[in-house]
Structure formats: structure tokens, C-alpha cells
Amino acid sequence: MNFAPDLTTVTHGIQLAVAPVFLLTAVSGMIAAVAGRLARIIDRARFVENRLEAGGVEESRAHRMYAELRELRHRGWLVNICIALLTFCAILIGSTIILLFLGETSELPTLRIATVCFLSGVVCFLLALVCFLGETLLATRLLKFAELPSRPG
């Protein structure tokens, strides 16, 4: 394997490889947002479980609480899939960066592999966004806004 001896080729390789880093920045922001949602789901599930374990909850309310726990489990499952897809996306984009740099600064034929890695990373990112959308729709569907009592006329 021969590496490029001149500075301009190495510089161009770095410029080419740095472009996907912007996608990595978006992925890291998404991971932080989704991890925050997972933490809130876990906190809420613990709270509901503790209330149920403490006892003294009437039966109809306990049924609603168990239904909420099922929904929280489903939301947690979606968030975990989202985090897995985002992590896999980051791995693929990182691999793309390495392959682009090596392809530009050496004689390795990496363009096809880099293309597949990049496109696979974008697909993972889009699938993660779909999971995120599903989880947020599920979360907002569970909201029960109290109606203000109407004033006697």
C-alpha cells in the first residue's frame, strides 16, 4: 500500500473525509435527545411501579397504571431501537470517513465501500428518525389534558 507523498493530496483527502463529520454532529445531537427521552421514560416507569408496589391503589386506577406501564415499555422499546440505529449510523459514517481518507491518500480502491457505508448510515439515520417520530406520537397520544370546568352562565 503506497500513501500519497504530497501535501495537496493529503489535504484534499482530509477535506473530503471531513464532510461526513457534519452528519456525525447531527447523530450525536439526536443520541443526546433520545437518551434524555429514555431517561424520562425510565423515571416515569419507576414512579408508577413504586406507587403500585406501595399498595393502596384502587383497582380501576391500578388497571390504568398497568396500561401506562405497557405504553412506557413500548416507548422504551422504540427509543432503544432508535439509539441502536443512531449508533450504527455513527459507526458507518465513521467508517466512511476512514475509507474516504484512505482512498484519497493511498491506492486502495475504497470508493464503492465508502459509498455503501455512507448510504447505509443515512438509511439508519432516517429509520432512527421514524422511530423517534413514532415514540413522540405515542407519547403525545398518552397525554390527557384536563378540561377547564365551564362557568355557569
N, C-alpha and C. Protein backbone atom coordinates (compact mmCIF):
# COMPACT_ATOMS: atom_id res chain seq x y z
N MET A 1 0.85 -1.17 0.00
CA MET A 1 0.00 0.00 0.00
C MET A 1 0.89 1.23 0.00
N ASN A 2 0.72 2.05 -1.00
CA ASN A 2 1.50 3.28 -1.13
C ASN A 2 0.65 4.47 -0.73
N PHE A 3 1.20 5.33 0.11
CA PHE A 3 0.50 6.53 0.52
C PHE A 3 0.97 7.71 -0.31
N ALA A 4 0.10 8.70 -0.44
CA ALA A 4 0.41 9.89 -1.23
C ALA A 4 1.55 10.66 -0.56
N PRO A 5 2.56 11.00 -1.34
CA PRO A 5 3.70 11.70 -0.76
C PRO A 5 3.52 13.21 -0.69
N ASP A 6 2.58 13.77 -1.46
CA ASP A 6 2.50 15.22 -1.50
C ASP A 6 1.40 15.76 -0.57
N LEU A 7 1.61 16.95 -0.11
CA LEU A 7 0.74 17.59 0.87
C LEU A 7 -0.64 17.92 0.30
N THR A 8 -0.71 18.29 -0.97
CA THR A 8 -2.01 18.66 -1.55
C THR A 8 -2.97 17.47 -1.59
N THR A 9 -2.45 16.27 -1.88
CA THR A 9 -3.31 15.08 -1.90
C THR A 9 -3.81 14.76 -0.51
N VAL A 10 -2.93 14.86 0.47
CA VAL A 10 -3.33 14.60 1.85
C VAL A 10 -4.35 15.65 2.30
N THR A 11 -4.13 16.91 1.97
CA THR A 11 -5.05 17.98 2.33
C THR A 11 -6.43 17.74 1.70
N HIS A 12 -6.44 17.38 0.42
CA HIS A 12 -7.70 17.10 -0.25
C HIS A 12 -8.39 15.89 0.39
N GLY A 13 -7.62 14.90 0.78
CA GLY A 13 -8.18 13.72 1.45
C GLY A 13 -8.84 14.08 2.77
N ILE A 14 -8.20 14.97 3.50
CA ILE A 14 -8.77 15.41 4.78
C ILE A 14 -10.06 16.19 4.53
N GLN A 15 -10.04 17.09 3.55
CA GLN A 15 -11.25 17.86 3.23
C GLN A 15 -12.40 16.94 2.82
N LEU A 16 -12.11 15.95 2.01
CA LEU A 16 -13.13 15.02 1.55
C LEU A 16 -13.68 14.20 2.71
N ALA A 17 -12.80 13.77 3.59
CA ALA A 17 -13.21 12.91 4.71
C ALA A 17 -13.94 13.68 5.81
N VAL A 18 -13.71 14.99 5.90
CA VAL A 18 -14.32 15.77 6.97
C VAL A 18 -15.79 16.08 6.68
N ALA A 19 -16.21 16.09 5.44
CA ALA A 19 -17.60 16.43 5.09
C ALA A 19 -18.62 15.57 5.85
N PRO A 20 -18.45 14.24 5.98
CA PRO A 20 -19.44 13.44 6.72
C PRO A 20 -19.45 13.71 8.23
N VAL A 21 -18.47 14.44 8.72
CA VAL A 21 -18.43 14.74 10.15
C VAL A 21 -19.65 15.56 10.57
N PHE A 22 -20.19 16.35 9.65
CA PHE A 22 -21.38 17.14 9.96
C PHE A 22 -22.56 16.22 10.27
N LEU A 23 -22.66 15.12 9.56
CA LEU A 23 -23.71 14.14 9.86
C LEU A 23 -23.47 13.52 11.23
N LEU A 24 -22.21 13.27 11.58
CA LEU A 24 -21.90 12.74 12.92
C LEU A 24 -22.34 13.71 14.01
N THR A 25 -22.23 15.01 13.75
CA THR A 25 -22.68 16.00 14.72
C THR A 25 -24.19 15.90 14.91
N ALA A 26 -24.93 15.74 13.83
CA ALA A 26 -26.38 15.58 13.93
C ALA A 26 -26.73 14.29 14.68
N VAL A 27 -26.00 13.24 14.40
CA VAL A 27 -26.25 11.96 15.07
C VAL A 27 -26.01 12.08 16.57
N SER A 28 -24.93 12.74 16.95
CA SER A 28 -24.65 12.87 18.38
C SER A 28 -25.72 13.71 19.08
N GLY A 29 -26.22 14.73 18.41
CA GLY A 29 -27.32 15.52 18.98
C GLY A 29 -28.59 14.70 19.14
N MET A 30 -28.87 13.88 18.14
CA MET A 30 -30.04 13.01 18.22
C MET A 30 -29.90 11.99 19.35
N ILE A 31 -28.70 11.41 19.49
CA ILE A 31 -28.48 10.44 20.56
C ILE A 31 -28.73 11.10 21.92
N ALA A 32 -28.25 12.32 22.08
CA ALA A 32 -28.46 13.03 23.35
C ALA A 32 -29.94 13.27 23.61
N ALA A 33 -30.67 13.69 22.58
CA ALA A 33 -32.10 13.95 22.75
C ALA A 33 -32.86 12.66 23.07
N VAL A 34 -32.55 11.61 22.35
CA VAL A 34 -33.26 10.35 22.54
C VAL A 34 -32.90 9.72 23.89
N ALA A 35 -31.65 9.84 24.30
CA ALA A 35 -31.25 9.31 25.61
C ALA A 35 -31.97 10.06 26.72
N GLY A 36 -32.20 11.35 26.54
CA GLY A 36 -32.97 12.12 27.51
C GLY A 36 -34.41 11.62 27.60
N ARG A 37 -34.98 11.28 26.45
CA ARG A 37 -36.35 10.74 26.45
C ARG A 37 -36.38 9.39 27.15
N LEU A 38 -35.37 8.57 26.91
CA LEU A 38 -35.30 7.26 27.57
C LEU A 38 -35.21 7.43 29.08
N ALA A 39 -34.42 8.39 29.53
CA ALA A 39 -34.30 8.63 30.97
C ALA A 39 -35.65 9.04 31.57
N ARG A 40 -36.40 9.85 30.87
CA ARG A 40 -37.73 10.26 31.37
C ARG A 40 -38.70 9.10 31.40
N ILE A 41 -38.62 8.23 30.39
CA ILE A 41 -39.48 7.05 30.36
C ILE A 41 -39.18 6.15 31.55
N ILE A 42 -37.89 5.94 31.80
CA ILE A 42 -37.47 5.08 32.92
C ILE A 42 -37.90 5.69 34.24
N ASP A 43 -37.72 6.99 34.41
CA ASP A 43 -38.13 7.65 35.66
C ASP A 43 -39.64 7.51 35.89
N ARG A 44 -40.41 7.71 34.84
CA ARG A 44 -41.86 7.60 34.99
C ARG A 44 -42.27 6.16 35.32
N ALA A 45 -41.65 5.18 34.64
CA ALA A 45 -41.98 3.78 34.91
C ALA A 45 -41.63 3.41 36.35
N ARG A 46 -40.50 3.88 36.84
CA ARG A 46 -40.13 3.60 38.23
C ARG A 46 -41.13 4.21 39.20
N PHE A 47 -41.56 5.44 38.91
CA PHE A 47 -42.54 6.10 39.76
C PHE A 47 -43.84 5.31 39.82
N VAL A 48 -44.35 4.91 38.65
CA VAL A 48 -45.60 4.16 38.60
C VAL A 48 -45.44 2.80 39.29
N GLU A 49 -44.33 2.12 39.04
CA GLU A 49 -44.10 0.83 39.69
C GLU A 49 -44.04 0.97 41.21
N ASN A 50 -43.36 2.00 41.69
CA ASN A 50 -43.28 2.22 43.14
C ASN A 50 -44.65 2.49 43.74
N ARG A 51 -45.49 3.27 43.04
CA ARG A 51 -46.85 3.52 43.53
C ARG A 51 -47.65 2.23 43.61
N LEU A 52 -47.49 1.37 42.60
CA LEU A 52 -48.23 0.11 42.60
C LEU A 52 -47.73 -0.82 43.71
N GLU A 53 -46.40 -0.86 43.89
CA GLU A 53 -45.83 -1.73 44.92
C GLU A 53 -46.16 -1.26 46.33
N ALA A 54 -46.35 0.04 46.49
CA ALA A 54 -46.68 0.58 47.81
C ALA A 54 -48.08 0.16 48.24
N GLY A 55 -48.92 -0.18 47.26
CA GLY A 55 -50.28 -0.61 47.58
C GLY A 55 -51.21 0.57 47.81
N GLY A 56 -52.44 0.25 48.16
CA GLY A 56 -53.42 1.30 48.44
C GLY A 56 -53.96 1.97 47.19
N VAL A 57 -53.75 1.36 46.02
CA VAL A 57 -54.26 1.94 44.78
C VAL A 57 -55.54 1.21 44.43
N GLU A 58 -56.60 1.97 44.20
CA GLU A 58 -57.87 1.32 43.85
C GLU A 58 -57.73 0.57 42.53
N GLU A 59 -58.57 -0.44 42.36
CA GLU A 59 -58.41 -1.38 41.25
C GLU A 59 -58.50 -0.72 39.87
N SER A 60 -59.44 0.19 39.68
CA SER A 60 -59.57 0.83 38.37
C SER A 60 -58.34 1.69 38.05
N ARG A 61 -57.83 2.35 39.07
CA ARG A 61 -56.62 3.16 38.87
C ARG A 61 -55.42 2.26 38.62
N ALA A 62 -55.34 1.11 39.30
CA ALA A 62 -54.24 0.18 39.08
C ALA A 62 -54.24 -0.34 37.64
N HIS A 63 -55.43 -0.60 37.09
CA HIS A 63 -55.51 -1.04 35.70
C HIS A 63 -54.97 0.02 34.75
N ARG A 64 -55.31 1.28 35.02
CA ARG A 64 -54.79 2.38 34.19
C ARG A 64 -53.28 2.49 34.33
N MET A 65 -52.77 2.27 35.54
CA MET A 65 -51.33 2.35 35.76
C MET A 65 -50.59 1.22 35.04
N TYR A 66 -51.17 0.02 35.06
CA TYR A 66 -50.55 -1.09 34.32
C TYR A 66 -50.60 -0.83 32.81
N ALA A 67 -51.67 -0.22 32.34
CA ALA A 67 -51.76 0.15 30.92
C ALA A 67 -50.68 1.18 30.58
N GLU A 68 -50.47 2.13 31.49
CA GLU A 68 -49.43 3.12 31.27
C GLU A 68 -48.06 2.47 31.23
N LEU A 69 -47.83 1.50 32.11
CA LEU A 69 -46.54 0.79 32.10
C LEU A 69 -46.32 0.04 30.79
N ARG A 70 -47.39 -0.54 30.23
CA ARG A 70 -47.27 -1.20 28.92
C ARG A 70 -46.88 -0.20 27.85
N GLU A 71 -47.51 0.97 27.87
CA GLU A 71 -47.18 2.01 26.90
C GLU A 71 -45.75 2.51 27.09
N LEU A 72 -45.34 2.67 28.33
CA LEU A 72 -43.96 3.10 28.60
C LEU A 72 -42.96 2.06 28.11
N ARG A 73 -43.30 0.78 28.28
CA ARG A 73 -42.42 -0.29 27.78
C ARG A 73 -42.30 -0.19 26.26
N HIS A 74 -43.41 0.04 25.59
CA HIS A 74 -43.41 0.16 24.13
C HIS A 74 -42.58 1.38 23.69
N ARG A 75 -42.77 2.51 24.38
CA ARG A 75 -41.97 3.69 24.07
C ARG A 75 -40.49 3.44 24.31
N GLY A 76 -40.16 2.76 25.40
CA GLY A 76 -38.76 2.43 25.68
C GLY A 76 -38.16 1.54 24.60
N TRP A 77 -38.96 0.61 24.11
CA TRP A 77 -38.51 -0.27 23.03
C TRP A 77 -38.20 0.55 21.77
N LEU A 78 -39.08 1.48 21.42
CA LEU A 78 -38.84 2.34 20.25
C LEU A 78 -37.59 3.19 20.43
N VAL A 79 -37.41 3.74 21.62
CA VAL A 79 -36.25 4.58 21.89
C VAL A 79 -34.96 3.75 21.83
N ASN A 80 -34.99 2.53 22.35
CA ASN A 80 -33.80 1.68 22.28
C ASN A 80 -33.45 1.34 20.84
N ILE A 81 -34.45 1.07 20.01
CA ILE A 81 -34.19 0.81 18.59
C ILE A 81 -33.59 2.06 17.94
N CYS A 82 -34.14 3.21 18.29
CA CYS A 82 -33.65 4.48 17.75
C CYS A 82 -32.18 4.68 18.12
N ILE A 83 -31.82 4.44 19.37
CA ILE A 83 -30.43 4.60 19.81
C ILE A 83 -29.52 3.61 19.10
N ALA A 84 -29.99 2.38 18.93
CA ALA A 84 -29.19 1.38 18.21
C ALA A 84 -28.96 1.81 16.76
N LEU A 85 -30.00 2.30 16.10
CA LEU A 85 -29.85 2.76 14.71
C LEU A 85 -28.91 3.96 14.62
N LEU A 86 -29.02 4.88 15.55
CA LEU A 86 -28.13 6.04 15.55
C LEU A 86 -26.69 5.64 15.80
N THR A 87 -26.49 4.68 16.68
CA THR A 87 -25.13 4.20 16.96
C THR A 87 -24.55 3.51 15.72
N PHE A 88 -25.35 2.68 15.09
CA PHE A 88 -24.90 2.01 13.87
C PHE A 88 -24.62 3.04 12.78
N CYS A 89 -25.46 4.07 12.69
CA CYS A 89 -25.23 5.16 11.74
C CYS A 89 -23.88 5.82 11.99
N ALA A 90 -23.58 6.11 13.25
CA ALA A 90 -22.31 6.75 13.58
C ALA A 90 -21.13 5.86 13.20
N ILE A 91 -21.25 4.56 13.43
CA ILE A 91 -20.18 3.63 13.06
C ILE A 91 -19.99 3.63 11.54
N LEU A 92 -21.08 3.61 10.80
CA LEU A 92 -20.99 3.61 9.33
C LEU A 92 -20.41 4.91 8.80
N ILE A 93 -20.81 6.03 9.37
CA ILE A 93 -20.28 7.32 8.92
C ILE A 93 -18.80 7.44 9.29
N GLY A 94 -18.43 6.96 10.48
CA GLY A 94 -17.01 6.94 10.86
C GLY A 94 -16.20 6.07 9.91
N SER A 95 -16.76 4.93 9.52
CA SER A 95 -16.08 4.06 8.55
C SER A 95 -15.95 4.76 7.20
N THR A 96 -16.99 5.51 6.82
CA THR A 96 -16.94 6.27 5.57
C THR A 96 -15.80 7.26 5.59
N ILE A 97 -15.63 7.95 6.70
CA ILE A 97 -14.55 8.94 6.83
C ILE A 97 -13.20 8.27 6.65
N ILE A 98 -13.01 7.15 7.32
CA ILE A 98 -11.74 6.43 7.20
C ILE A 98 -11.51 5.97 5.76
N LEU A 99 -12.54 5.39 5.15
CA LEU A 99 -12.40 4.88 3.79
C LEU A 99 -12.14 6.00 2.79
N LEU A 100 -12.82 7.13 2.93
CA LEU A 100 -12.58 8.26 2.02
C LEU A 100 -11.15 8.77 2.15
N PHE A 101 -10.69 8.89 3.38
CA PHE A 101 -9.32 9.36 3.58
C PHE A 101 -8.31 8.38 3.00
N LEU A 102 -8.50 7.08 3.30
CA LEU A 102 -7.57 6.08 2.76
C LEU A 102 -7.63 6.00 1.24
N GLY A 103 -8.83 6.11 0.68
CA GLY A 103 -8.97 6.07 -0.77
C GLY A 103 -8.31 7.24 -1.46
N GLU A 104 -8.32 8.39 -0.81
CA GLU A 104 -7.73 9.59 -1.40
C GLU A 104 -6.22 9.63 -1.23
N THR A 105 -5.72 9.08 -0.15
CA THR A 105 -4.29 9.20 0.14
C THR A 105 -3.50 7.93 -0.12
N SER A 106 -4.15 6.88 -0.60
CA SER A 106 -3.43 5.65 -0.92
C SER A 106 -4.01 5.09 -2.21
N GLU A 107 -3.54 3.94 -2.58
CA GLU A 107 -4.01 3.31 -3.82
C GLU A 107 -5.13 2.30 -3.56
N LEU A 108 -5.68 2.30 -2.35
CA LEU A 108 -6.75 1.36 -2.03
C LEU A 108 -8.04 1.76 -2.77
N PRO A 109 -8.71 0.80 -3.41
CA PRO A 109 -9.97 1.10 -4.11
C PRO A 109 -11.16 1.07 -3.12
N THR A 110 -11.38 2.16 -2.43
CA THR A 110 -12.38 2.18 -1.35
C THR A 110 -13.67 2.92 -1.69
N LEU A 111 -13.76 3.48 -2.90
CA LEU A 111 -14.90 4.34 -3.23
C LEU A 111 -16.23 3.60 -3.12
N ARG A 112 -16.35 2.40 -3.64
CA ARG A 112 -17.62 1.67 -3.57
C ARG A 112 -18.00 1.33 -2.13
N ILE A 113 -17.03 0.89 -1.36
CA ILE A 113 -17.30 0.54 0.03
C ILE A 113 -17.71 1.79 0.81
N ALA A 114 -17.01 2.91 0.55
CA ALA A 114 -17.34 4.17 1.22
C ALA A 114 -18.75 4.62 0.85
N THR A 115 -19.12 4.45 -0.40
CA THR A 115 -20.47 4.82 -0.85
C THR A 115 -21.53 3.99 -0.14
N VAL A 116 -21.31 2.69 -0.07
CA VAL A 116 -22.26 1.81 0.61
C VAL A 116 -22.35 2.15 2.10
N CYS A 117 -21.20 2.41 2.73
CA CYS A 117 -21.20 2.78 4.15
C CYS A 117 -21.97 4.08 4.38
N PHE A 118 -21.72 5.07 3.54
CA PHE A 118 -22.38 6.36 3.71
C PHE A 118 -23.88 6.23 3.53
N LEU A 119 -24.30 5.58 2.44
CA LEU A 119 -25.73 5.44 2.18
C LEU A 119 -26.41 4.59 3.26
N SER A 120 -25.74 3.56 3.74
CA SER A 120 -26.30 2.75 4.83
C SER A 120 -26.44 3.59 6.10
N GLY A 121 -25.46 4.44 6.35
CA GLY A 121 -25.54 5.33 7.51
C GLY A 121 -26.71 6.28 7.41
N VAL A 122 -26.95 6.83 6.22
CA VAL A 122 -28.08 7.74 6.03
C VAL A 122 -29.40 6.99 6.21
N VAL A 123 -29.48 5.77 5.69
CA VAL A 123 -30.69 4.95 5.87
C VAL A 123 -30.93 4.69 7.36
N CYS A 124 -29.88 4.36 8.10
CA CYS A 124 -30.02 4.15 9.55
C CYS A 124 -30.51 5.42 10.24
N PHE A 125 -29.98 6.56 9.81
CA PHE A 125 -30.41 7.83 10.40
C PHE A 125 -31.89 8.08 10.12
N LEU A 126 -32.33 7.82 8.90
CA LEU A 126 -33.73 8.02 8.56
C LEU A 126 -34.64 7.06 9.32
N LEU A 127 -34.22 5.82 9.47
CA LEU A 127 -35.01 4.86 10.25
C LEU A 127 -35.08 5.28 11.71
N ALA A 128 -33.98 5.81 12.24
CA ALA A 128 -33.98 6.31 13.62
C ALA A 128 -34.96 7.47 13.77
N LEU A 129 -35.02 8.33 12.76
CA LEU A 129 -35.98 9.44 12.80
C LEU A 129 -37.42 8.92 12.78
N VAL A 130 -37.68 7.86 12.04
CA VAL A 130 -39.02 7.26 12.03
C VAL A 130 -39.36 6.71 13.41
N CYS A 131 -38.39 6.03 14.04
CA CYS A 131 -38.62 5.53 15.42
C CYS A 131 -38.87 6.68 16.38
N PHE A 132 -38.09 7.74 16.23
CA PHE A 132 -38.26 8.92 17.09
C PHE A 132 -39.65 9.53 16.90
N LEU A 133 -40.08 9.64 15.65
CA LEU A 133 -41.42 10.15 15.37
C LEU A 133 -42.49 9.26 16.00
N GLY A 134 -42.33 7.96 15.84
CA GLY A 134 -43.30 7.03 16.42
C GLY A 134 -43.37 7.16 17.93
N GLU A 135 -42.22 7.29 18.57
CA GLU A 135 -42.20 7.40 20.03
C GLU A 135 -42.84 8.70 20.48
N THR A 136 -42.56 9.80 19.78
CA THR A 136 -43.16 11.08 20.19
C THR A 136 -44.66 11.09 19.93
N LEU A 137 -45.11 10.47 18.84
CA LEU A 137 -46.55 10.37 18.60
C LEU A 137 -47.22 9.53 19.68
N LEU A 138 -46.58 8.44 20.06
CA LEU A 138 -47.12 7.60 21.12
C LEU A 138 -47.16 8.35 22.44
N ALA A 139 -46.11 9.11 22.73
CA ALA A 139 -46.06 9.88 23.98
C ALA A 139 -47.16 10.94 24.03
N THR A 140 -47.38 11.64 22.92
CA THR A 140 -48.40 12.68 22.94
C THR A 140 -49.80 12.10 22.89
N ARG A 141 -49.96 10.90 22.36
CA ARG A 141 -51.27 10.24 22.36
C ARG A 141 -51.69 9.90 23.79
N LEU A 142 -50.70 9.66 24.64
CA LEU A 142 -50.98 9.29 26.02
C LEU A 142 -51.35 10.48 26.90
N LEU A 143 -51.09 11.68 26.40
CA LEU A 143 -51.38 12.87 27.22
C LEU A 143 -52.87 13.01 27.43
N LYS A 144 -53.21 13.34 28.66
CA LYS A 144 -54.61 13.58 28.99
C LYS A 144 -54.69 14.98 29.57
N PHE A 145 -55.12 15.90 28.75
CA PHE A 145 -55.23 17.27 29.20
C PHE A 145 -56.56 17.45 29.92
N ALA A 146 -56.48 18.02 31.10
CA ALA A 146 -57.71 18.26 31.86
C ALA A 146 -58.44 19.43 31.22
N GLU A 147 -59.73 19.30 31.11
CA GLU A 147 -60.53 20.39 30.59
C GLU A 147 -60.90 21.32 31.73
N LEU A 148 -60.89 22.58 31.44
CA LEU A 148 -61.31 23.55 32.44
C LEU A 148 -62.81 23.42 32.65
N PRO A 149 -63.24 23.50 33.89
CA PRO A 149 -64.69 23.43 34.13
C PRO A 149 -65.38 24.64 33.51
N SER A 150 -66.52 24.42 32.92
CA SER A 150 -67.24 25.53 32.30
C SER A 150 -67.91 26.37 33.39
N ARG A 151 -67.92 27.64 33.18
CA ARG A 151 -68.53 28.56 34.16
C ARG A 151 -70.05 28.56 33.97
N PRO A 152 -70.74 28.51 35.06
CA PRO A 152 -72.21 28.60 34.92
C PRO A 152 -72.58 29.98 34.37
N GLY A 153 -73.43 29.95 33.38
CA GLY A 153 -73.73 31.12 32.59
C GLY A 153 -74.59 32.08 33.18
